[in-house]
Amino acid sequence: LFEPAFRADVAEIDKSLQDMIWRIIARLA
């Protein structure tokens, strides 16, 4: 939120974690 140098990598990691949760929920469904 304060360091622009982190933002692209953090957004990429966040997206990979979101995809992980989606795979779990899709399988449960």
PDB file of all heavy atoms in Angstrom:
ATOM      1  N   LEU A   1       0.831  -1.205   0.000  1.00  0.00           N
ATOM      2  CA  LEU A   1       0.000   0.000   0.000  1.00  0.00           C
ATOM      3  C   LEU A   1       0.868   1.258   0.000  1.00  0.00           C
ATOM      4  O   LEU A   1       0.423   2.334  -0.427  1.00  0.00           O
ATOM      5  CB  LEU A   1      -0.923   0.006   1.218  1.00  0.00           C
ATOM      6  CG  LEU A   1      -1.953  -1.126   1.308  1.00  0.00           C
ATOM      7  CD1 LEU A   1      -2.653  -1.088   2.656  1.00  0.00           C
ATOM      8  CD2 LEU A   1      -2.955  -1.027   0.173  1.00  0.00           C
ATOM      9  N   PHE A   2       2.108   1.123   0.479  1.00  0.00           N
ATOM     10  CA  PHE A   2       3.024   2.256   0.581  1.00  0.00           C
ATOM     11  C   PHE A   2       4.189   2.153  -0.401  1.00  0.00           C
ATOM     12  O   PHE A   2       4.731   3.164  -0.815  1.00  0.00           O
ATOM     13  CB  PHE A   2       3.586   2.355   2.008  1.00  0.00           C
ATOM     14  CG  PHE A   2       2.528   2.469   3.068  1.00  0.00           C
ATOM     15  CD1 PHE A   2       2.062   1.346   3.731  1.00  0.00           C
ATOM     16  CD2 PHE A   2       1.980   3.700   3.399  1.00  0.00           C
ATOM     17  CE1 PHE A   2       1.085   1.434   4.707  1.00  0.00           C
ATOM     18  CE2 PHE A   2       1.003   3.807   4.373  1.00  0.00           C
ATOM     19  CZ  PHE A   2       0.550   2.670   5.019  1.00  0.00           C
ATOM     20  N   GLU A   3       4.592   0.907  -0.719  1.00  0.00           N
ATOM     21  CA  GLU A   3       5.755   0.678  -1.575  1.00  0.00           C
ATOM     22  C   GLU A   3       5.311   0.262  -2.978  1.00  0.00           C
ATOM     23  O   GLU A   3       4.925  -0.878  -3.195  1.00  0.00           O
ATOM     24  CB  GLU A   3       6.636  -0.433  -0.979  1.00  0.00           C
ATOM     25  CG  GLU A   3       7.416  -0.028   0.245  1.00  0.00           C
ATOM     26  CD  GLU A   3       8.723   0.647  -0.138  1.00  0.00           C
ATOM     27  OE1 GLU A   3       8.986   0.826  -1.349  1.00  0.00           O
ATOM     28  OE2 GLU A   3       9.474   1.002   0.783  1.00  0.00           O
ATOM     29  N   PRO A   4       5.365   1.157  -3.957  1.00  0.00           N
ATOM     30  CA  PRO A   4       4.975   0.787  -5.322  1.00  0.00           C
ATOM     31  C   PRO A   4       5.782  -0.387  -5.880  1.00  0.00           C
ATOM     32  O   PRO A   4       5.269  -1.147  -6.709  1.00  0.00           O
ATOM     33  CB  PRO A   4       5.251   2.069  -6.125  1.00  0.00           C
ATOM     34  CG  PRO A   4       5.165   3.171  -5.117  1.00  0.00           C
ATOM     35  CD  PRO A   4       5.713   2.587  -3.847  1.00  0.00           C
ATOM     36  N   ALA A   5       7.025  -0.562  -5.407  1.00  0.00           N
ATOM     37  CA  ALA A   5       7.871  -1.637  -5.921  1.00  0.00           C
ATOM     38  C   ALA A   5       7.296  -3.020  -5.628  1.00  0.00           C
ATOM     39  O   ALA A   5       7.611  -3.992  -6.314  1.00  0.00           O
ATOM     40  CB  ALA A   5       9.268  -1.526  -5.319  1.00  0.00           C
ATOM     41  N   PHE A   6       6.443  -3.127  -4.611  1.00  0.00           N
ATOM     42  CA  PHE A   6       5.856  -4.419  -4.247  1.00  0.00           C
ATOM     43  C   PHE A   6       4.578  -4.745  -5.013  1.00  0.00           C
ATOM     44  O   PHE A   6       4.162  -5.902  -5.054  1.00  0.00           O
ATOM     45  CB  PHE A   6       5.511  -4.439  -2.747  1.00  0.00           C
ATOM     46  CG  PHE A   6       6.693  -4.582  -1.839  1.00  0.00           C
ATOM     47  CD1 PHE A   6       6.776  -3.844  -0.667  1.00  0.00           C
ATOM     48  CD2 PHE A   6       7.719  -5.451  -2.130  1.00  0.00           C
ATOM     49  CE1 PHE A   6       7.858  -3.969   0.189  1.00  0.00           C
ATOM     50  CE2 PHE A   6       8.809  -5.589  -1.287  1.00  0.00           C
ATOM     51  CZ  PHE A   6       8.875  -4.839  -0.127  1.00  0.00           C
ATOM     52  N   ARG A   7       3.926  -3.747  -5.563  1.00  0.00           N
ATOM     53  CA  ARG A   7       2.531  -3.914  -5.965  1.00  0.00           C
ATOM     54  C   ARG A   7       2.300  -4.948  -7.057  1.00  0.00           C
ATOM     55  O   ARG A   7       1.366  -5.750  -6.977  1.00  0.00           O
ATOM     56  CB  ARG A   7       1.948  -2.554  -6.370  1.00  0.00           C
ATOM     57  CG  ARG A   7       1.729  -1.653  -5.171  1.00  0.00           C
ATOM     58  CD  ARG A   7       1.281  -0.273  -5.537  1.00  0.00           C
ATOM     59  NE  ARG A   7       1.331   0.602  -4.361  1.00  0.00           N
ATOM     60  CZ  ARG A   7       1.286   1.907  -4.400  1.00  0.00           C
ATOM     61  NH1 ARG A   7       1.165   2.532  -5.576  1.00  0.00           N
ATOM     62  NH2 ARG A   7       1.358   2.615  -3.294  1.00  0.00           N
ATOM     63  N   ALA A   8       3.114  -4.943  -8.091  1.00  0.00           N
ATOM     64  CA  ALA A   8       2.904  -5.887  -9.188  1.00  0.00           C
ATOM     65  C   ALA A   8       3.064  -7.329  -8.716  1.00  0.00           C
ATOM     66  O   ALA A   8       2.255  -8.202  -9.040  1.00  0.00           O
ATOM     67  CB  ALA A   8       3.867  -5.585 -10.331  1.00  0.00           C
ATOM     68  N   ASP A   9       4.114  -7.583  -7.915  1.00  0.00           N
ATOM     69  CA  ASP A   9       4.348  -8.941  -7.415  1.00  0.00           C
ATOM     70  C   ASP A   9       3.258  -9.370  -6.441  1.00  0.00           C
ATOM     71  O   ASP A   9       2.798 -10.521  -6.475  1.00  0.00           O
ATOM     72  CB  ASP A   9       5.710  -9.021  -6.736  1.00  0.00           C
ATOM     73  CG  ASP A   9       6.849  -8.981  -7.735  1.00  0.00           C
ATOM     74  OD1 ASP A   9       6.858  -9.791  -8.658  1.00  0.00           O
ATOM     75  OD2 ASP A   9       7.734  -8.119  -7.588  1.00  0.00           O
ATOM     76  N   VAL A  10       2.851  -8.469  -5.571  1.00  0.00           N
ATOM     77  CA  VAL A  10       1.799  -8.782  -4.606  1.00  0.00           C
ATOM     78  C   VAL A  10       0.490  -9.086  -5.332  1.00  0.00           C
ATOM     79  O   VAL A  10      -0.216 -10.036  -4.984  1.00  0.00           O
ATOM     80  CB  VAL A  10       1.617  -7.626  -3.602  1.00  0.00           C
ATOM     81  CG1 VAL A  10       0.304  -7.765  -2.833  1.00  0.00           C
ATOM     82  CG2 VAL A  10       2.789  -7.599  -2.620  1.00  0.00           C
ATOM     83  N   ALA A  11       0.169  -8.296  -6.350  1.00  0.00           N
ATOM     84  CA  ALA A  11      -1.057  -8.539  -7.108  1.00  0.00           C
ATOM     85  C   ALA A  11      -1.012  -9.897  -7.809  1.00  0.00           C
ATOM     86  O   ALA A  11      -2.012 -10.622  -7.843  1.00  0.00           O
ATOM     87  CB  ALA A  11      -1.260  -7.425  -8.136  1.00  0.00           C
ATOM     88  N   GLU A  12       0.154 -10.263  -8.324  1.00  0.00           N
ATOM     89  CA  GLU A  12       0.299 -11.555  -8.997  1.00  0.00           C
ATOM     90  C   GLU A  12       0.135 -12.714  -8.015  1.00  0.00           C
ATOM     91  O   GLU A  12      -0.539 -13.710  -8.301  1.00  0.00           O
ATOM     92  CB  GLU A  12       1.665 -11.622  -9.679  1.00  0.00           C
ATOM     93  CG  GLU A  12       1.899 -12.900 -10.469  1.00  0.00           C
ATOM     94  CD  GLU A  12       3.266 -12.930 -11.124  1.00  0.00           C
ATOM     95  OE1 GLU A  12       3.897 -11.869 -11.256  1.00  0.00           O
ATOM     96  OE2 GLU A  12       3.703 -14.036 -11.491  1.00  0.00           O
ATOM     97  N   ILE A  13       0.764 -12.594  -6.839  1.00  0.00           N
ATOM     98  CA  ILE A  13       0.644 -13.636  -5.825  1.00  0.00           C
ATOM     99  C   ILE A  13      -0.797 -13.731  -5.325  1.00  0.00           C
ATOM    100  O   ILE A  13      -1.342 -14.825  -5.154  1.00  0.00           O
ATOM    101  CB  ILE A  13       1.609 -13.364  -4.657  1.00  0.00           C
ATOM    102  CG1 ILE A  13       3.050 -13.492  -5.135  1.00  0.00           C
ATOM    103  CG2 ILE A  13       1.348 -14.327  -3.500  1.00  0.00           C
ATOM    104  CD1 ILE A  13       4.087 -13.017  -4.132  1.00  0.00           C
ATOM    105  N   ASP A  14      -1.413 -12.583  -5.076  1.00  0.00           N
ATOM    106  CA  ASP A  14      -2.811 -12.557  -4.632  1.00  0.00           C
ATOM    107  C   ASP A  14      -3.712 -13.276  -5.636  1.00  0.00           C
ATOM    108  O   ASP A  14      -4.610 -14.029  -5.262  1.00  0.00           O
ATOM    109  CB  ASP A  14      -3.277 -11.106  -4.467  1.00  0.00           C
ATOM    110  CG  ASP A  14      -3.772 -10.824  -3.051  1.00  0.00           C
ATOM    111  OD1 ASP A  14      -3.726 -11.731  -2.208  1.00  0.00           O
ATOM    112  OD2 ASP A  14      -4.196  -9.691  -2.800  1.00  0.00           O
ATOM    113  N   LYS A  15      -3.459 -13.039  -6.926  1.00  0.00           N
ATOM    114  CA  LYS A  15      -4.275 -13.685  -7.964  1.00  0.00           C
ATOM    115  C   LYS A  15      -4.074 -15.202  -7.947  1.00  0.00           C
ATOM    116  O   LYS A  15      -5.034 -15.970  -8.110  1.00  0.00           O
ATOM    117  CB  LYS A  15      -3.889 -13.132  -9.336  1.00  0.00           C
ATOM    118  CG  LYS A  15      -4.667 -13.735 -10.509  1.00  0.00           C
ATOM    119  CD  LYS A  15      -6.157 -13.473 -10.390  1.00  0.00           C
ATOM    120  CE  LYS A  15      -6.903 -13.769 -11.692  1.00  0.00           C
ATOM    121  NZ  LYS A  15      -6.738 -15.174 -12.148  1.00  0.00           N
ATOM    122  N   SER A  16      -2.841 -15.655  -7.709  1.00  0.00           N
ATOM    123  CA  SER A  16      -2.590 -17.098  -7.659  1.00  0.00           C
ATOM    124  C   SER A  16      -3.281 -17.733  -6.456  1.00  0.00           C
ATOM    125  O   SER A  16      -3.782 -18.867  -6.537  1.00  0.00           O
ATOM    126  CB  SER A  16      -1.083 -17.380  -7.621  1.00  0.00           C
ATOM    127  OG  SER A  16      -0.513 -16.987  -6.386  1.00  0.00           O
ATOM    128  N   LEU A  17      -3.352 -17.017  -5.336  1.00  0.00           N
ATOM    129  CA  LEU A  17      -4.060 -17.524  -4.158  1.00  0.00           C
ATOM    130  C   LEU A  17      -5.567 -17.532  -4.393  1.00  0.00           C
ATOM    131  O   LEU A  17      -6.271 -18.449  -3.959  1.00  0.00           O
ATOM    132  CB  LEU A  17      -3.712 -16.675  -2.939  1.00  0.00           C
ATOM    133  CG  LEU A  17      -2.257 -16.754  -2.473  1.00  0.00           C
ATOM    134  CD1 LEU A  17      -1.966 -15.692  -1.424  1.00  0.00           C
ATOM    135  CD2 LEU A  17      -1.935 -18.142  -1.940  1.00  0.00           C
ATOM    136  N   GLN A  18      -6.053 -16.514  -5.069  1.00  0.00           N
ATOM    137  CA  GLN A  18      -7.474 -16.478  -5.423  1.00  0.00           C
ATOM    138  C   GLN A  18      -7.828 -17.662  -6.326  1.00  0.00           C
ATOM    139  O   GLN A  18      -8.865 -18.323  -6.130  1.00  0.00           O
ATOM    140  CB  GLN A  18      -7.790 -15.172  -6.147  1.00  0.00           C
ATOM    141  CG  GLN A  18      -9.232 -15.066  -6.635  1.00  0.00           C
ATOM    142  CD  GLN A  18      -9.474 -13.757  -7.366  1.00  0.00           C
ATOM    143  OE1 GLN A  18      -9.439 -12.697  -6.770  1.00  0.00           O
ATOM    144  NE2 GLN A  18      -9.721 -13.831  -8.676  1.00  0.00           N
ATOM    145  N   ASP A  19      -6.975 -17.952  -7.293  1.00  0.00           N
ATOM    146  CA  ASP A  19      -7.211 -19.097  -8.184  1.00  0.00           C
ATOM    147  C   ASP A  19      -7.186 -20.409  -7.402  1.00  0.00           C
ATOM    148  O   ASP A  19      -7.948 -21.342  -7.716  1.00  0.00           O
ATOM    149  CB  ASP A  19      -6.153 -19.128  -9.290  1.00  0.00           C
ATOM    150  CG  ASP A  19      -6.291 -17.976 -10.274  1.00  0.00           C
ATOM    151  OD1 ASP A  19      -7.367 -17.333 -10.301  1.00  0.00           O
ATOM    152  OD2 ASP A  19      -5.328 -17.709 -11.013  1.00  0.00           O
ATOM    153  N   MET A  20      -6.316 -20.486  -6.397  1.00  0.00           N
ATOM    154  CA  MET A  20      -6.247 -21.685  -5.561  1.00  0.00           C
ATOM    155  C   MET A  20      -7.573 -21.918  -4.843  1.00  0.00           C
ATOM    156  O   MET A  20      -8.111 -23.041  -4.839  1.00  0.00           O
ATOM    157  CB  MET A  20      -5.120 -21.530  -4.536  1.00  0.00           C
ATOM    158  CG  MET A  20      -5.009 -22.648  -3.517  1.00  0.00           C
ATOM    159  SD  MET A  20      -3.891 -22.197  -2.156  1.00  0.00           S
ATOM    160  CE  MET A  20      -4.946 -21.065  -1.220  1.00  0.00           C
ATOM    161  N   ILE A  21      -8.119 -20.862  -4.228  1.00  0.00           N
ATOM    162  CA  ILE A  21      -9.406 -20.982  -3.545  1.00  0.00           C
ATOM    163  C   ILE A  21     -10.503 -21.337  -4.535  1.00  0.00           C
ATOM    164  O   ILE A  21     -11.382 -22.164  -4.233  1.00  0.00           O
ATOM    165  CB  ILE A  21      -9.751 -19.680  -2.803  1.00  0.00           C
ATOM    166  CG1 ILE A  21      -8.782 -19.458  -1.629  1.00  0.00           C
ATOM    167  CG2 ILE A  21     -11.195 -19.690  -2.296  1.00  0.00           C
ATOM    168  CD1 ILE A  21      -8.855 -20.512  -0.549  1.00  0.00           C
ATOM    169  N   TRP A  22     -10.458 -20.756  -5.716  1.00  0.00           N
ATOM    170  CA  TRP A  22     -11.474 -21.056  -6.723  1.00  0.00           C
ATOM    171  C   TRP A  22     -11.438 -22.528  -7.127  1.00  0.00           C
ATOM    172  O   TRP A  22     -12.485 -23.161  -7.297  1.00  0.00           O
ATOM    173  CB  TRP A  22     -11.288 -20.163  -7.940  1.00  0.00           C
ATOM    174  CG  TRP A  22     -12.267 -20.453  -9.033  1.00  0.00           C
ATOM    175  CD1 TRP A  22     -12.021 -21.030 -10.247  1.00  0.00           C
ATOM    176  CD2 TRP A  22     -13.686 -20.210  -9.008  1.00  0.00           C
ATOM    177  NE1 TRP A  22     -13.181 -21.153 -10.973  1.00  0.00           N
ATOM    178  CE2 TRP A  22     -14.213 -20.659 -10.236  1.00  0.00           C
ATOM    179  CE3 TRP A  22     -14.540 -19.656  -8.049  1.00  0.00           C
ATOM    180  CZ2 TRP A  22     -15.570 -20.561 -10.532  1.00  0.00           C
ATOM    181  CZ3 TRP A  22     -15.892 -19.565  -8.346  1.00  0.00           C
ATOM    182  CH2 TRP A  22     -16.394 -20.017  -9.584  1.00  0.00           C
ATOM    183  N   ARG A  23     -10.244 -23.115  -7.269  1.00  0.00           N
ATOM    184  CA  ARG A  23     -10.143 -24.534  -7.620  1.00  0.00           C
ATOM    185  C   ARG A  23     -10.767 -25.394  -6.528  1.00  0.00           C
ATOM    186  O   ARG A  23     -11.437 -26.399  -6.813  1.00  0.00           O
ATOM    187  CB  ARG A  23      -8.673 -24.930  -7.826  1.00  0.00           C
ATOM    188  CG  ARG A  23      -8.034 -24.350  -9.063  1.00  0.00           C
ATOM    189  CD  ARG A  23      -6.718 -25.041  -9.401  1.00  0.00           C
ATOM    190  NE  ARG A  23      -5.721 -24.946  -8.361  1.00  0.00           N
ATOM    191  CZ  ARG A  23      -4.856 -23.951  -8.237  1.00  0.00           C
ATOM    192  NH1 ARG A  23      -4.894 -22.939  -9.082  1.00  0.00           N
ATOM    193  NH2 ARG A  23      -3.954 -23.951  -7.274  1.00  0.00           N
ATOM    194  N   ILE A  24     -10.548 -25.023  -5.285  1.00  0.00           N
ATOM    195  CA  ILE A  24     -11.120 -25.774  -4.160  1.00  0.00           C
ATOM    196  C   ILE A  24     -12.641 -25.692  -4.176  1.00  0.00           C
ATOM    197  O   ILE A  24     -13.333 -26.717  -4.062  1.00  0.00           O
ATOM    198  CB  ILE A  24     -10.560 -25.235  -2.823  1.00  0.00           C
ATOM    199  CG1 ILE A  24      -9.071 -25.547  -2.714  1.00  0.00           C
ATOM    200  CG2 ILE A  24     -11.327 -25.823  -1.637  1.00  0.00           C
ATOM    201  CD1 ILE A  24      -8.363 -24.788  -1.611  1.00  0.00           C
ATOM    202  N   ILE A  25     -13.170 -24.485  -4.327  1.00  0.00           N
ATOM    203  CA  ILE A  25     -14.620 -24.305  -4.306  1.00  0.00           C
ATOM    204  C   ILE A  25     -15.272 -24.964  -5.523  1.00  0.00           C
ATOM    205  O   ILE A  25     -16.353 -25.568  -5.406  1.00  0.00           O
ATOM    206  CB  ILE A  25     -14.971 -22.802  -4.254  1.00  0.00           C
ATOM    207  CG1 ILE A  25     -14.459 -22.192  -2.948  1.00  0.00           C
ATOM    208  CG2 ILE A  25     -16.480 -22.591  -4.378  1.00  0.00           C
ATOM    209  CD1 ILE A  25     -15.015 -22.828  -1.690  1.00  0.00           C
ATOM    210  N   ALA A  26     -14.625 -24.882  -6.664  1.00  0.00           N
ATOM    211  CA  ALA A  26     -15.170 -25.519  -7.864  1.00  0.00           C
ATOM    212  C   ALA A  26     -15.248 -27.035  -7.694  1.00  0.00           C
ATOM    213  O   ALA A  26     -16.229 -27.667  -8.103  1.00  0.00           O
ATOM    214  CB  ALA A  26     -14.314 -25.164  -9.081  1.00  0.00           C
ATOM    215  N   ARG A  27     -14.230 -27.612  -7.052  1.00  0.00           N
ATOM    216  CA  ARG A  27     -14.247 -29.061  -6.817  1.00  0.00           C
ATOM    217  C   ARG A  27     -15.324 -29.423  -5.797  1.00  0.00           C
ATOM    218  O   ARG A  27     -16.038 -30.432  -5.964  1.00  0.00           O
ATOM    219  CB  ARG A  27     -12.870 -29.512  -6.323  1.00  0.00           C
ATOM    220  CG  ARG A  27     -12.758 -31.011  -6.032  1.00  0.00           C
ATOM    221  CD  ARG A  27     -13.091 -31.844  -7.238  1.00  0.00           C
ATOM    222  NE  ARG A  27     -12.923 -33.265  -6.971  1.00  0.00           N
ATOM    223  CZ  ARG A  27     -13.555 -34.224  -7.632  1.00  0.00           C
ATOM    224  NH1 ARG A  27     -14.392 -33.918  -8.612  1.00  0.00           N
ATOM    225  NH2 ARG A  27     -13.345 -35.484  -7.327  1.00  0.00           N
ATOM    226  N   LEU A  28     -15.466 -28.642  -4.757  1.00  0.00           N
ATOM    227  CA  LEU A  28     -16.518 -28.886  -3.777  1.00  0.00           C
ATOM    228  C   LEU A  28     -17.903 -28.790  -4.424  1.00  0.00           C
ATOM    229  O   LEU A  28     -18.794 -29.588  -4.123  1.00  0.00           O
ATOM    230  CB  LEU A  28     -16.403 -27.886  -2.620  1.00  0.00           C
ATOM    231  CG  LEU A  28     -15.298 -28.155  -1.603  1.00  0.00           C
ATOM    232  CD1 LEU A  28     -15.088 -26.942  -0.708  1.00  0.00           C
ATOM    233  CD2 LEU A  28     -15.625 -29.394  -0.758  1.00  0.00           C
ATOM    234  N   ALA A  29     -18.068 -27.815  -5.307  1.00  0.00           N
ATOM    235  CA  ALA A  29     -19.347 -27.659  -5.996  1.00  0.00           C
ATOM    236  C   ALA A  29     -19.663 -28.888  -6.841  1.00  0.00           C
ATOM    237  O   ALA A  29     -20.810 -29.367  -6.880  1.00  0.00           O
ATOM    238  CB  ALA A  29     -19.323 -26.412  -6.873  1.00  0.00           C
TER     239      ALA A  29
END
